[in-house]
Protein backbone atom coordinates (compact mmCIF):
# COMPACT_ATOMS: atom_id res chain seq x y z
CA UNK A 1 0.00 0.00 0.00
CA UNK A 2 1.49 3.32 -1.12
CA UNK A 3 1.48 5.90 1.69
CA UNK A 4 1.05 9.43 0.38
CA UNK A 5 1.84 12.79 1.92
CA UNK A 6 -0.07 15.64 0.28
CA UNK A 7 1.50 19.08 0.66
CA UNK A 8 -0.88 22.03 0.28
CA UNK A 9 -1.04 25.77 0.86
CA UNK A 10 -4.66 26.64 0.10
CA UNK A 11 -8.13 25.27 -0.35
CA UNK A 12 -7.15 21.75 -1.29
CA UNK A 13 -9.30 21.10 -4.37
CA UNK A 14 -6.68 18.73 -5.76
CA UNK A 15 -6.52 17.04 -2.37
CA UNK A 16 -10.28 16.54 -2.59
CA UNK A 17 -9.86 15.02 -6.04
CA UNK A 18 -7.35 12.54 -4.60
CA UNK A 19 -9.61 11.68 -1.67
CA UNK A 20 -12.60 11.17 -3.97
CA UNK A 21 -10.58 9.04 -6.38
CA UNK A 22 -9.41 6.74 -3.60
CA UNK A 23 -12.98 6.36 -2.31
CA UNK A 24 -14.27 5.68 -5.84
CA UNK A 25 -11.56 3.13 -6.61
CA UNK A 26 -9.95 5.22 -9.32
CA UNK A 27 -6.78 5.19 -7.23
CA UNK A 28 -5.94 1.72 -5.95
CA UNK A 29 -3.26 0.41 -3.63
CA UNK A 30 -2.77 3.85 -2.03
CA UNK A 31 -3.76 5.81 1.05
CA UNK A 32 -3.14 9.34 2.30
CA UNK A 33 -0.94 9.12 5.38
CA UNK A 34 -0.80 12.84 6.13
CA UNK A 35 -1.70 16.26 4.75
CA UNK A 36 0.91 18.92 5.48
CA UNK A 37 0.49 22.65 5.02
CA UNK A 38 2.70 25.68 5.50
CA UNK A 39 -0.39 27.66 6.54
CA UNK A 40 -2.35 27.01 9.72
CA UNK A 41 -5.57 28.38 8.20
CA UNK A 42 -5.43 26.41 4.94
CA UNK A 43 -8.88 24.95 4.27
CA UNK A 44 -7.19 21.82 2.92
CA UNK A 45 -6.45 20.86 6.53
CA UNK A 46 -10.17 20.94 7.31
CA UNK A 47 -10.89 18.78 4.27
CA UNK A 48 -8.42 16.21 5.55
CA UNK A 49 -9.84 16.21 9.08
CA UNK A 50 -13.33 15.59 7.70
CA UNK A 51 -12.08 12.25 6.37
CA UNK A 52 -10.03 11.31 9.42
CA UNK A 53 -6.73 12.02 7.67
CA UNK A 54 -3.85 13.14 9.86
CA UNK A 55 -2.61 16.70 9.39
CA UNK A 56 0.47 18.73 10.25
CA UNK A 57 1.52 22.35 9.90
CA UNK A 58 5.15 23.14 9.17
CA UNK A 59 5.55 26.85 8.47
CA UNK A 60 8.76 28.76 7.67
CA UNK A 61 7.42 31.52 9.93
CA UNK A 62 7.80 29.26 12.95
CA UNK A 63 11.55 28.80 12.52
CA UNK A 64 14.46 31.17 12.90
CA UNK A 65 16.16 30.04 9.71
CA UNK A 66 15.28 28.35 6.46
CA UNK A 67 17.62 25.52 7.38
CA UNK A 68 15.62 24.81 10.55
CA UNK A 69 12.39 24.78 8.57
CA UNK A 70 13.90 22.45 5.98
CA UNK A 71 14.94 19.96 8.64
CA UNK A 72 11.55 20.18 10.37
CA UNK A 73 9.73 19.44 7.12
CA UNK A 74 11.99 16.47 6.42
CA UNK A 75 11.55 15.10 9.94
CA UNK A 76 7.77 15.47 9.72
CA UNK A 77 7.62 13.57 6.44
CA UNK A 78 9.99 10.90 7.74
CA UNK A 79 7.84 10.40 10.83
CA UNK A 80 4.84 9.41 8.71
CA UNK A 81 6.87 6.90 6.68
CA UNK A 82 5.51 8.07 3.35
CA UNK A 83 6.34 6.54 -0.02
CA UNK A 84 5.19 9.41 -2.24
CA UNK A 85 5.00 13.18 -1.74
CA UNK A 86 2.33 14.96 -3.76
CA UNK A 87 2.58 18.73 -4.17
CA UNK A 88 -1.00 19.88 -4.65
CA UNK A 89 -0.85 23.65 -4.69
CA UNK A 90 2.11 23.87 -2.33
CA UNK A 91 3.62 27.33 -2.60
CA UNK A 92 6.93 26.70 -0.86
CA UNK A 93 10.14 25.84 -2.69
CA UNK A 94 11.24 22.40 -1.57
CA UNK A 95 14.64 22.19 0.10
CA UNK A 96 17.40 20.36 -1.72
CA UNK A 97 17.81 18.04 1.24
CA UNK A 98 14.22 16.83 0.84
CA UNK A 99 14.54 16.24 -2.90
CA UNK A 100 17.71 14.24 -2.30
CA UNK A 101 16.04 12.23 0.46
CA UNK A 102 13.04 11.28 -1.71
CA UNK A 103 14.46 10.87 -5.24
CA UNK A 104 11.79 9.99 -7.77
CA UNK A 105 9.17 10.05 -5.02
CA UNK A 106 7.87 13.62 -5.32
CA UNK A 107 5.32 14.74 -7.91
CA UNK A 108 3.74 18.11 -8.65
CA UNK A 109 0.66 19.33 -10.51
CA UNK A 110 1.27 22.46 -12.61
CA UNK A 111 -1.56 24.41 -14.29
CA UNK A 112 -0.09 24.65 -17.79
CA UNK A 113 1.31 22.44 -20.51
CA UNK A 114 4.99 22.36 -19.53
CA UNK A 115 7.35 23.72 -20.86
CA UNK A 116 4.96 26.61 -21.55
CA UNK A 117 4.21 29.05 -18.72
CA UNK A 118 6.28 27.37 -16.03
CA UNK A 119 9.35 28.04 -13.95
CA UNK A 120 10.04 30.75 -11.36
CA UNK A 121 7.10 33.07 -10.80
CA UNK A 122 4.56 30.97 -12.64
CA UNK A 123 2.01 29.74 -10.13
CA UNK A 124 -1.65 30.26 -9.35
CA UNK A 125 -3.55 32.85 -11.36
CA UNK A 126 -0.32 34.25 -12.84
CA UNK A 127 -0.10 31.19 -15.09
CA UNK A 128 -3.57 31.75 -16.52
CA UNK A 129 -3.01 35.49 -16.89
CA UNK A 130 0.08 34.74 -18.96
CA UNK A 131 -1.82 32.25 -21.13
CA UNK A 132 -4.47 34.85 -21.91
CA UNK A 133 -1.90 37.60 -22.50
CA UNK A 134 -0.14 35.37 -25.05
CA UNK A 135 -3.38 34.55 -26.82
CA UNK A 136 -3.08 30.79 -26.51
CA UNK A 137 -5.88 28.70 -27.98
CA UNK A 138 -5.21 25.76 -25.67
CA UNK A 139 -3.70 25.32 -22.23
CA UNK A 140 -3.92 22.53 -19.69
CA UNK A 141 -2.14 20.88 -16.79
CA UNK A 142 0.94 18.75 -16.24
CA UNK A 143 1.90 16.21 -13.59
CA UNK A 144 5.65 15.81 -13.30
CA UNK A 145 8.31 14.43 -11.04
CA UNK A 146 10.12 17.02 -8.96
CA UNK A 147 13.85 17.58 -9.29
CA UNK A 148 16.07 20.43 -8.15
CA UNK A 149 14.82 22.76 -10.89
CA UNK A 150 11.49 24.58 -11.04
CA UNK A 151 8.99 22.54 -13.10
CA UNK A 152 11.89 20.78 -14.85
CA UNK A 153 11.37 17.16 -13.74
CA UNK A 154 10.23 14.33 -16.02
CA UNK A 155 6.65 14.74 -17.27
CA UNK A 156 4.22 11.99 -16.24
CA UNK A 157 0.89 13.12 -17.72
CA UNK A 158 -0.56 16.14 -19.51
CA UNK A 159 -4.09 17.10 -20.50
CA UNK A 160 -5.13 19.99 -22.72
CA UNK A 161 -8.20 22.19 -22.33
CA UNK A 162 -9.50 24.94 -24.65
CA UNK A 163 -9.09 28.65 -24.08
CA UNK A 164 -12.10 30.80 -24.99
CA UNK A 165 -12.13 34.44 -26.07
CA UNK A 166 -14.34 35.46 -23.16
CA UNK A 167 -12.14 33.78 -20.57
CA UNK A 168 -10.81 35.55 -17.50
CA UNK A 169 -7.91 34.17 -15.47
CA UNK A 170 -10.48 32.92 -12.96
CA UNK A 171 -12.70 31.08 -15.45
CA UNK A 172 -9.66 29.56 -17.13
CA UNK A 173 -8.25 28.45 -13.80
CA UNK A 174 -11.54 26.75 -12.96
CA UNK A 175 -11.68 24.92 -16.31
CA UNK A 176 -8.07 23.73 -16.04
CA UNK A 177 -8.73 22.37 -12.56
CA UNK A 178 -12.03 20.68 -13.38
CA UNK A 179 -11.12 19.27 -16.80
CA UNK A 180 -7.41 18.53 -16.36
CA UNK A 181 -5.90 18.73 -12.88
CA UNK A 182 -8.56 16.71 -11.08
CA UNK A 183 -8.22 13.98 -13.71
CA UNK A 184 -4.52 13.56 -14.31
CA UNK A 185 -3.24 13.95 -10.74
CA UNK A 186 -5.24 10.96 -9.43
CA UNK A 187 -4.34 9.03 -12.60
CA UNK A 188 -0.63 9.65 -12.03
CA UNK A 189 -0.88 8.53 -8.40
CA UNK A 190 -2.64 5.34 -9.45
CA UNK A 191 0.09 4.60 -12.02
CA UNK A 192 2.78 5.06 -9.37
CA UNK A 193 0.90 3.06 -6.73
CA UNK A 194 0.65 0.12 -9.10
CA UNK A 195 4.23 0.28 -10.40
CA UNK A 196 3.19 1.17 -13.93
CA UNK A 197 5.73 3.91 -14.58
CA UNK A 198 9.35 3.81 -15.64
CA UNK A 199 11.77 6.64 -16.34
CA UNK A 200 14.35 6.41 -19.09
CA UNK A 201 16.57 9.38 -19.94
CA UNK A 202 14.20 11.93 -18.40
CA UNK A 203 11.19 10.45 -20.22
CA UNK A 204 8.36 8.71 -18.38
CA UNK A 205 6.67 5.67 -19.85
CA UNK A 206 3.39 4.19 -18.59
CA UNK A 207 2.47 0.56 -19.05
CA UNK A 208 1.19 -2.57 -17.41
C-alpha atoms as a PDB file:
ATOM      1  CA  UNK A   1       0.000   0.000   0.000  1.00  0.00           C
ATOM      2  CA  UNK A   2       1.493   3.316  -1.124  1.00  0.00           C
ATOM      3  CA  UNK A   3       1.476   5.899   1.686  1.00  0.00           C
ATOM      4  CA  UNK A   4       1.049   9.430   0.382  1.00  0.00           C
ATOM      5  CA  UNK A   5       1.836  12.788   1.920  1.00  0.00           C
ATOM      6  CA  UNK A   6      -0.073  15.638   0.280  1.00  0.00           C
ATOM      7  CA  UNK A   7       1.498  19.084   0.664  1.00  0.00           C
ATOM      8  CA  UNK A   8      -0.876  22.027   0.282  1.00  0.00           C
ATOM      9  CA  UNK A   9      -1.043  25.766   0.864  1.00  0.00           C
ATOM     10  CA  UNK A  10      -4.658  26.639   0.104  1.00  0.00           C
ATOM     11  CA  UNK A  11      -8.131  25.270  -0.345  1.00  0.00           C
ATOM     12  CA  UNK A  12      -7.150  21.752  -1.294  1.00  0.00           C
ATOM     13  CA  UNK A  13      -9.302  21.102  -4.368  1.00  0.00           C
ATOM     14  CA  UNK A  14      -6.676  18.733  -5.764  1.00  0.00           C
ATOM     15  CA  UNK A  15      -6.524  17.044  -2.372  1.00  0.00           C
ATOM     16  CA  UNK A  16     -10.280  16.543  -2.595  1.00  0.00           C
ATOM     17  CA  UNK A  17      -9.859  15.017  -6.045  1.00  0.00           C
ATOM     18  CA  UNK A  18      -7.351  12.537  -4.603  1.00  0.00           C
ATOM     19  CA  UNK A  19      -9.614  11.679  -1.668  1.00  0.00           C
ATOM     20  CA  UNK A  20     -12.600  11.173  -3.967  1.00  0.00           C
ATOM     21  CA  UNK A  21     -10.584   9.044  -6.384  1.00  0.00           C
ATOM     22  CA  UNK A  22      -9.414   6.742  -3.598  1.00  0.00           C
ATOM     23  CA  UNK A  23     -12.979   6.359  -2.306  1.00  0.00           C
ATOM     24  CA  UNK A  24     -14.272   5.676  -5.835  1.00  0.00           C
ATOM     25  CA  UNK A  25     -11.563   3.130  -6.607  1.00  0.00           C
ATOM     26  CA  UNK A  26      -9.945   5.219  -9.319  1.00  0.00           C
ATOM     27  CA  UNK A  27      -6.776   5.190  -7.232  1.00  0.00           C
ATOM     28  CA  UNK A  28      -5.939   1.722  -5.955  1.00  0.00           C
ATOM     29  CA  UNK A  29      -3.256   0.405  -3.626  1.00  0.00           C
ATOM     30  CA  UNK A  30      -2.767   3.847  -2.030  1.00  0.00           C
ATOM     31  CA  UNK A  31      -3.760   5.812   1.049  1.00  0.00           C
ATOM     32  CA  UNK A  32      -3.141   9.339   2.301  1.00  0.00           C
ATOM     33  CA  UNK A  33      -0.943   9.119   5.379  1.00  0.00           C
ATOM     34  CA  UNK A  34      -0.804  12.838   6.131  1.00  0.00           C
ATOM     35  CA  UNK A  35      -1.702  16.262   4.754  1.00  0.00           C
ATOM     36  CA  UNK A  36       0.906  18.919   5.481  1.00  0.00           C
ATOM     37  CA  UNK A  37       0.492  22.651   5.018  1.00  0.00           C
ATOM     38  CA  UNK A  38       2.700  25.684   5.503  1.00  0.00           C
ATOM     39  CA  UNK A  39      -0.390  27.662   6.541  1.00  0.00           C
ATOM     40  CA  UNK A  40      -2.354  27.012   9.718  1.00  0.00           C
ATOM     41  CA  UNK A  41      -5.568  28.381   8.195  1.00  0.00           C
ATOM     42  CA  UNK A  42      -5.430  26.410   4.936  1.00  0.00           C
ATOM     43  CA  UNK A  43      -8.875  24.950   4.267  1.00  0.00           C
ATOM     44  CA  UNK A  44      -7.187  21.824   2.915  1.00  0.00           C
ATOM     45  CA  UNK A  45      -6.454  20.863   6.530  1.00  0.00           C
ATOM     46  CA  UNK A  46     -10.166  20.944   7.312  1.00  0.00           C
ATOM     47  CA  UNK A  47     -10.886  18.779   4.266  1.00  0.00           C
ATOM     48  CA  UNK A  48      -8.415  16.209   5.546  1.00  0.00           C
ATOM     49  CA  UNK A  49      -9.840  16.207   9.075  1.00  0.00           C
ATOM     50  CA  UNK A  50     -13.333  15.587   7.702  1.00  0.00           C
ATOM     51  CA  UNK A  51     -12.077  12.252   6.371  1.00  0.00           C
ATOM     52  CA  UNK A  52     -10.033  11.314   9.416  1.00  0.00           C
ATOM     53  CA  UNK A  53      -6.727  12.019   7.675  1.00  0.00           C
ATOM     54  CA  UNK A  54      -3.847  13.138   9.863  1.00  0.00           C
ATOM     55  CA  UNK A  55      -2.605  16.697   9.391  1.00  0.00           C
ATOM     56  CA  UNK A  56       0.466  18.727  10.246  1.00  0.00           C
ATOM     57  CA  UNK A  57       1.516  22.350   9.900  1.00  0.00           C
ATOM     58  CA  UNK A  58       5.146  23.144   9.165  1.00  0.00           C
ATOM     59  CA  UNK A  59       5.550  26.849   8.468  1.00  0.00           C
ATOM     60  CA  UNK A  60       8.756  28.756   7.673  1.00  0.00           C
ATOM     61  CA  UNK A  61       7.424  31.517   9.929  1.00  0.00           C
ATOM     62  CA  UNK A  62       7.802  29.262  12.949  1.00  0.00           C
ATOM     63  CA  UNK A  63      11.551  28.804  12.521  1.00  0.00           C
ATOM     64  CA  UNK A  64      14.465  31.174  12.898  1.00  0.00           C
ATOM     65  CA  UNK A  65      16.163  30.036   9.710  1.00  0.00           C
ATOM     66  CA  UNK A  66      15.276  28.347   6.461  1.00  0.00           C
ATOM     67  CA  UNK A  67      17.615  25.516   7.376  1.00  0.00           C
ATOM     68  CA  UNK A  68      15.621  24.812  10.552  1.00  0.00           C
ATOM     69  CA  UNK A  69      12.387  24.782   8.568  1.00  0.00           C
ATOM     70  CA  UNK A  70      13.897  22.454   5.975  1.00  0.00           C
ATOM     71  CA  UNK A  71      14.941  19.965   8.639  1.00  0.00           C
ATOM     72  CA  UNK A  72      11.553  20.180  10.372  1.00  0.00           C
ATOM     73  CA  UNK A  73       9.730  19.436   7.117  1.00  0.00           C
ATOM     74  CA  UNK A  74      11.990  16.466   6.419  1.00  0.00           C
ATOM     75  CA  UNK A  75      11.551  15.095   9.935  1.00  0.00           C
ATOM     76  CA  UNK A  76       7.772  15.467   9.724  1.00  0.00           C
ATOM     77  CA  UNK A  77       7.617  13.574   6.439  1.00  0.00           C
ATOM     78  CA  UNK A  78       9.992  10.896   7.739  1.00  0.00           C
ATOM     79  CA  UNK A  79       7.838  10.404  10.831  1.00  0.00           C
ATOM     80  CA  UNK A  80       4.844   9.409   8.709  1.00  0.00           C
ATOM     81  CA  UNK A  81       6.874   6.902   6.676  1.00  0.00           C
ATOM     82  CA  UNK A  82       5.513   8.065   3.345  1.00  0.00           C
ATOM     83  CA  UNK A  83       6.339   6.539  -0.019  1.00  0.00           C
ATOM     84  CA  UNK A  84       5.192   9.408  -2.239  1.00  0.00           C
ATOM     85  CA  UNK A  85       4.996  13.176  -1.739  1.00  0.00           C
ATOM     86  CA  UNK A  86       2.327  14.964  -3.765  1.00  0.00           C
ATOM     87  CA  UNK A  87       2.578  18.729  -4.173  1.00  0.00           C
ATOM     88  CA  UNK A  88      -1.004  19.879  -4.655  1.00  0.00           C
ATOM     89  CA  UNK A  89      -0.852  23.651  -4.690  1.00  0.00           C
ATOM     90  CA  UNK A  90       2.106  23.868  -2.326  1.00  0.00           C
ATOM     91  CA  UNK A  91       3.624  27.329  -2.605  1.00  0.00           C
ATOM     92  CA  UNK A  92       6.930  26.699  -0.856  1.00  0.00           C
ATOM     93  CA  UNK A  93      10.143  25.837  -2.693  1.00  0.00           C
ATOM     94  CA  UNK A  94      11.239  22.403  -1.573  1.00  0.00           C
ATOM     95  CA  UNK A  95      14.642  22.193   0.102  1.00  0.00           C
ATOM     96  CA  UNK A  96      17.401  20.362  -1.723  1.00  0.00           C
ATOM     97  CA  UNK A  97      17.813  18.039   1.237  1.00  0.00           C
ATOM     98  CA  UNK A  98      14.223  16.830   0.842  1.00  0.00           C
ATOM     99  CA  UNK A  99      14.535  16.238  -2.901  1.00  0.00           C
ATOM    100  CA  UNK A 100      17.705  14.240  -2.304  1.00  0.00           C
ATOM    101  CA  UNK A 101      16.043  12.230   0.463  1.00  0.00           C
ATOM    102  CA  UNK A 102      13.044  11.283  -1.708  1.00  0.00           C
ATOM    103  CA  UNK A 103      14.462  10.865  -5.237  1.00  0.00           C
ATOM    104  CA  UNK A 104      11.792   9.989  -7.774  1.00  0.00           C
ATOM    105  CA  UNK A 105       9.168  10.052  -5.020  1.00  0.00           C
ATOM    106  CA  UNK A 106       7.873  13.621  -5.323  1.00  0.00           C
ATOM    107  CA  UNK A 107       5.319  14.737  -7.909  1.00  0.00           C
ATOM    108  CA  UNK A 108       3.741  18.110  -8.649  1.00  0.00           C
ATOM    109  CA  UNK A 109       0.665  19.334 -10.512  1.00  0.00           C
ATOM    110  CA  UNK A 110       1.275  22.462 -12.613  1.00  0.00           C
ATOM    111  CA  UNK A 111      -1.560  24.408 -14.293  1.00  0.00           C
ATOM    112  CA  UNK A 112      -0.087  24.648 -17.787  1.00  0.00           C
ATOM    113  CA  UNK A 113       1.314  22.435 -20.512  1.00  0.00           C
ATOM    114  CA  UNK A 114       4.989  22.365 -19.530  1.00  0.00           C
ATOM    115  CA  UNK A 115       7.350  23.716 -20.862  1.00  0.00           C
ATOM    116  CA  UNK A 116       4.960  26.609 -21.546  1.00  0.00           C
ATOM    117  CA  UNK A 117       4.212  29.050 -18.716  1.00  0.00           C
ATOM    118  CA  UNK A 118       6.285  27.372 -16.031  1.00  0.00           C
ATOM    119  CA  UNK A 119       9.351  28.035 -13.953  1.00  0.00           C
ATOM    120  CA  UNK A 120      10.035  30.746 -11.364  1.00  0.00           C
ATOM    121  CA  UNK A 121       7.098  33.075 -10.801  1.00  0.00           C
ATOM    122  CA  UNK A 122       4.561  30.968 -12.643  1.00  0.00           C
ATOM    123  CA  UNK A 123       2.012  29.736 -10.133  1.00  0.00           C
ATOM    124  CA  UNK A 124      -1.651  30.262  -9.350  1.00  0.00           C
ATOM    125  CA  UNK A 125      -3.548  32.850 -11.364  1.00  0.00           C
ATOM    126  CA  UNK A 126      -0.319  34.247 -12.839  1.00  0.00           C
ATOM    127  CA  UNK A 127      -0.100  31.188 -15.093  1.00  0.00           C
ATOM    128  CA  UNK A 128      -3.574  31.748 -16.517  1.00  0.00           C
ATOM    129  CA  UNK A 129      -3.014  35.490 -16.892  1.00  0.00           C
ATOM    130  CA  UNK A 130       0.080  34.736 -18.961  1.00  0.00           C
ATOM    131  CA  UNK A 131      -1.820  32.246 -21.130  1.00  0.00           C
ATOM    132  CA  UNK A 132      -4.474  34.850 -21.907  1.00  0.00           C
ATOM    133  CA  UNK A 133      -1.901  37.597 -22.504  1.00  0.00           C
ATOM    134  CA  UNK A 134      -0.141  35.370 -25.048  1.00  0.00           C
ATOM    135  CA  UNK A 135      -3.383  34.554 -26.822  1.00  0.00           C
ATOM    136  CA  UNK A 136      -3.081  30.787 -26.512  1.00  0.00           C
ATOM    137  CA  UNK A 137      -5.881  28.702 -27.978  1.00  0.00           C
ATOM    138  CA  UNK A 138      -5.214  25.761 -25.669  1.00  0.00           C
ATOM    139  CA  UNK A 139      -3.701  25.323 -22.233  1.00  0.00           C
ATOM    140  CA  UNK A 140      -3.921  22.530 -19.686  1.00  0.00           C
ATOM    141  CA  UNK A 141      -2.142  20.884 -16.787  1.00  0.00           C
ATOM    142  CA  UNK A 142       0.940  18.752 -16.237  1.00  0.00           C
ATOM    143  CA  UNK A 143       1.899  16.210 -13.592  1.00  0.00           C
ATOM    144  CA  UNK A 144       5.649  15.807 -13.304  1.00  0.00           C
ATOM    145  CA  UNK A 145       8.305  14.425 -11.037  1.00  0.00           C
ATOM    146  CA  UNK A 146      10.123  17.018  -8.958  1.00  0.00           C
ATOM    147  CA  UNK A 147      13.848  17.581  -9.286  1.00  0.00           C
ATOM    148  CA  UNK A 148      16.066  20.429  -8.147  1.00  0.00           C
ATOM    149  CA  UNK A 149      14.823  22.758 -10.893  1.00  0.00           C
ATOM    150  CA  UNK A 150      11.486  24.576 -11.042  1.00  0.00           C
ATOM    151  CA  UNK A 151       8.991  22.537 -13.101  1.00  0.00           C
ATOM    152  CA  UNK A 152      11.891  20.778 -14.848  1.00  0.00           C
ATOM    153  CA  UNK A 153      11.374  17.161 -13.735  1.00  0.00           C
ATOM    154  CA  UNK A 154      10.231  14.326 -16.017  1.00  0.00           C
ATOM    155  CA  UNK A 155       6.655  14.738 -17.267  1.00  0.00           C
ATOM    156  CA  UNK A 156       4.225  11.991 -16.242  1.00  0.00           C
ATOM    157  CA  UNK A 157       0.895  13.119 -17.720  1.00  0.00           C
ATOM    158  CA  UNK A 158      -0.564  16.137 -19.507  1.00  0.00           C
ATOM    159  CA  UNK A 159      -4.088  17.101 -20.497  1.00  0.00           C
ATOM    160  CA  UNK A 160      -5.134  19.990 -22.724  1.00  0.00           C
ATOM    161  CA  UNK A 161      -8.201  22.189 -22.328  1.00  0.00           C
ATOM    162  CA  UNK A 162      -9.501  24.936 -24.654  1.00  0.00           C
ATOM    163  CA  UNK A 163      -9.091  28.651 -24.079  1.00  0.00           C
ATOM    164  CA  UNK A 164     -12.103  30.800 -24.994  1.00  0.00           C
ATOM    165  CA  UNK A 165     -12.126  34.445 -26.069  1.00  0.00           C
ATOM    166  CA  UNK A 166     -14.340  35.458 -23.162  1.00  0.00           C
ATOM    167  CA  UNK A 167     -12.136  33.781 -20.568  1.00  0.00           C
ATOM    168  CA  UNK A 168     -10.808  35.546 -17.505  1.00  0.00           C
ATOM    169  CA  UNK A 169      -7.914  34.165 -15.466  1.00  0.00           C
ATOM    170  CA  UNK A 170     -10.481  32.921 -12.960  1.00  0.00           C
ATOM    171  CA  UNK A 171     -12.696  31.085 -15.450  1.00  0.00           C
ATOM    172  CA  UNK A 172      -9.664  29.562 -17.127  1.00  0.00           C
ATOM    173  CA  UNK A 173      -8.247  28.448 -13.804  1.00  0.00           C
ATOM    174  CA  UNK A 174     -11.543  26.755 -12.961  1.00  0.00           C
ATOM    175  CA  UNK A 175     -11.675  24.918 -16.314  1.00  0.00           C
ATOM    176  CA  UNK A 176      -8.071  23.731 -16.041  1.00  0.00           C
ATOM    177  CA  UNK A 177      -8.731  22.366 -12.556  1.00  0.00           C
ATOM    178  CA  UNK A 178     -12.033  20.683 -13.385  1.00  0.00           C
ATOM    179  CA  UNK A 179     -11.117  19.272 -16.804  1.00  0.00           C
ATOM    180  CA  UNK A 180      -7.408  18.534 -16.360  1.00  0.00           C
ATOM    181  CA  UNK A 181      -5.898  18.731 -12.877  1.00  0.00           C
ATOM    182  CA  UNK A 182      -8.560  16.712 -11.076  1.00  0.00           C
ATOM    183  CA  UNK A 183      -8.223  13.977 -13.709  1.00  0.00           C
ATOM    184  CA  UNK A 184      -4.515  13.557 -14.311  1.00  0.00           C
ATOM    185  CA  UNK A 185      -3.239  13.948 -10.741  1.00  0.00           C
ATOM    186  CA  UNK A 186      -5.244  10.959  -9.434  1.00  0.00           C
ATOM    187  CA  UNK A 187      -4.344   9.031 -12.595  1.00  0.00           C
ATOM    188  CA  UNK A 188      -0.634   9.652 -12.033  1.00  0.00           C
ATOM    189  CA  UNK A 189      -0.881   8.533  -8.403  1.00  0.00           C
ATOM    190  CA  UNK A 190      -2.640   5.340  -9.455  1.00  0.00           C
ATOM    191  CA  UNK A 191       0.091   4.598 -12.018  1.00  0.00           C
ATOM    192  CA  UNK A 192       2.783   5.058  -9.367  1.00  0.00           C
ATOM    193  CA  UNK A 193       0.899   3.057  -6.730  1.00  0.00           C
ATOM    194  CA  UNK A 194       0.650   0.117  -9.100  1.00  0.00           C
ATOM    195  CA  UNK A 195       4.234   0.280 -10.403  1.00  0.00           C
ATOM    196  CA  UNK A 196       3.187   1.172 -13.927  1.00  0.00           C
ATOM    197  CA  UNK A 197       5.728   3.914 -14.584  1.00  0.00           C
ATOM    198  CA  UNK A 198       9.348   3.813 -15.635  1.00  0.00           C
ATOM    199  CA  UNK A 199      11.774   6.642 -16.337  1.00  0.00           C
ATOM    200  CA  UNK A 200      14.355   6.414 -19.091  1.00  0.00           C
ATOM    201  CA  UNK A 201      16.575   9.384 -19.943  1.00  0.00           C
ATOM    202  CA  UNK A 202      14.196  11.929 -18.402  1.00  0.00           C
ATOM    203  CA  UNK A 203      11.193  10.453 -20.223  1.00  0.00           C
ATOM    204  CA  UNK A 204       8.356   8.711 -18.383  1.00  0.00           C
ATOM    205  CA  UNK A 205       6.665   5.673 -19.855  1.00  0.00           C
ATOM    206  CA  UNK A 206       3.395   4.190 -18.588  1.00  0.00           C
ATOM    207  CA  UNK A 207       2.474   0.562 -19.048  1.00  0.00           C
ATOM    208  CA  UNK A 208       1.187  -2.570 -17.405  1.00  0.00           C
END
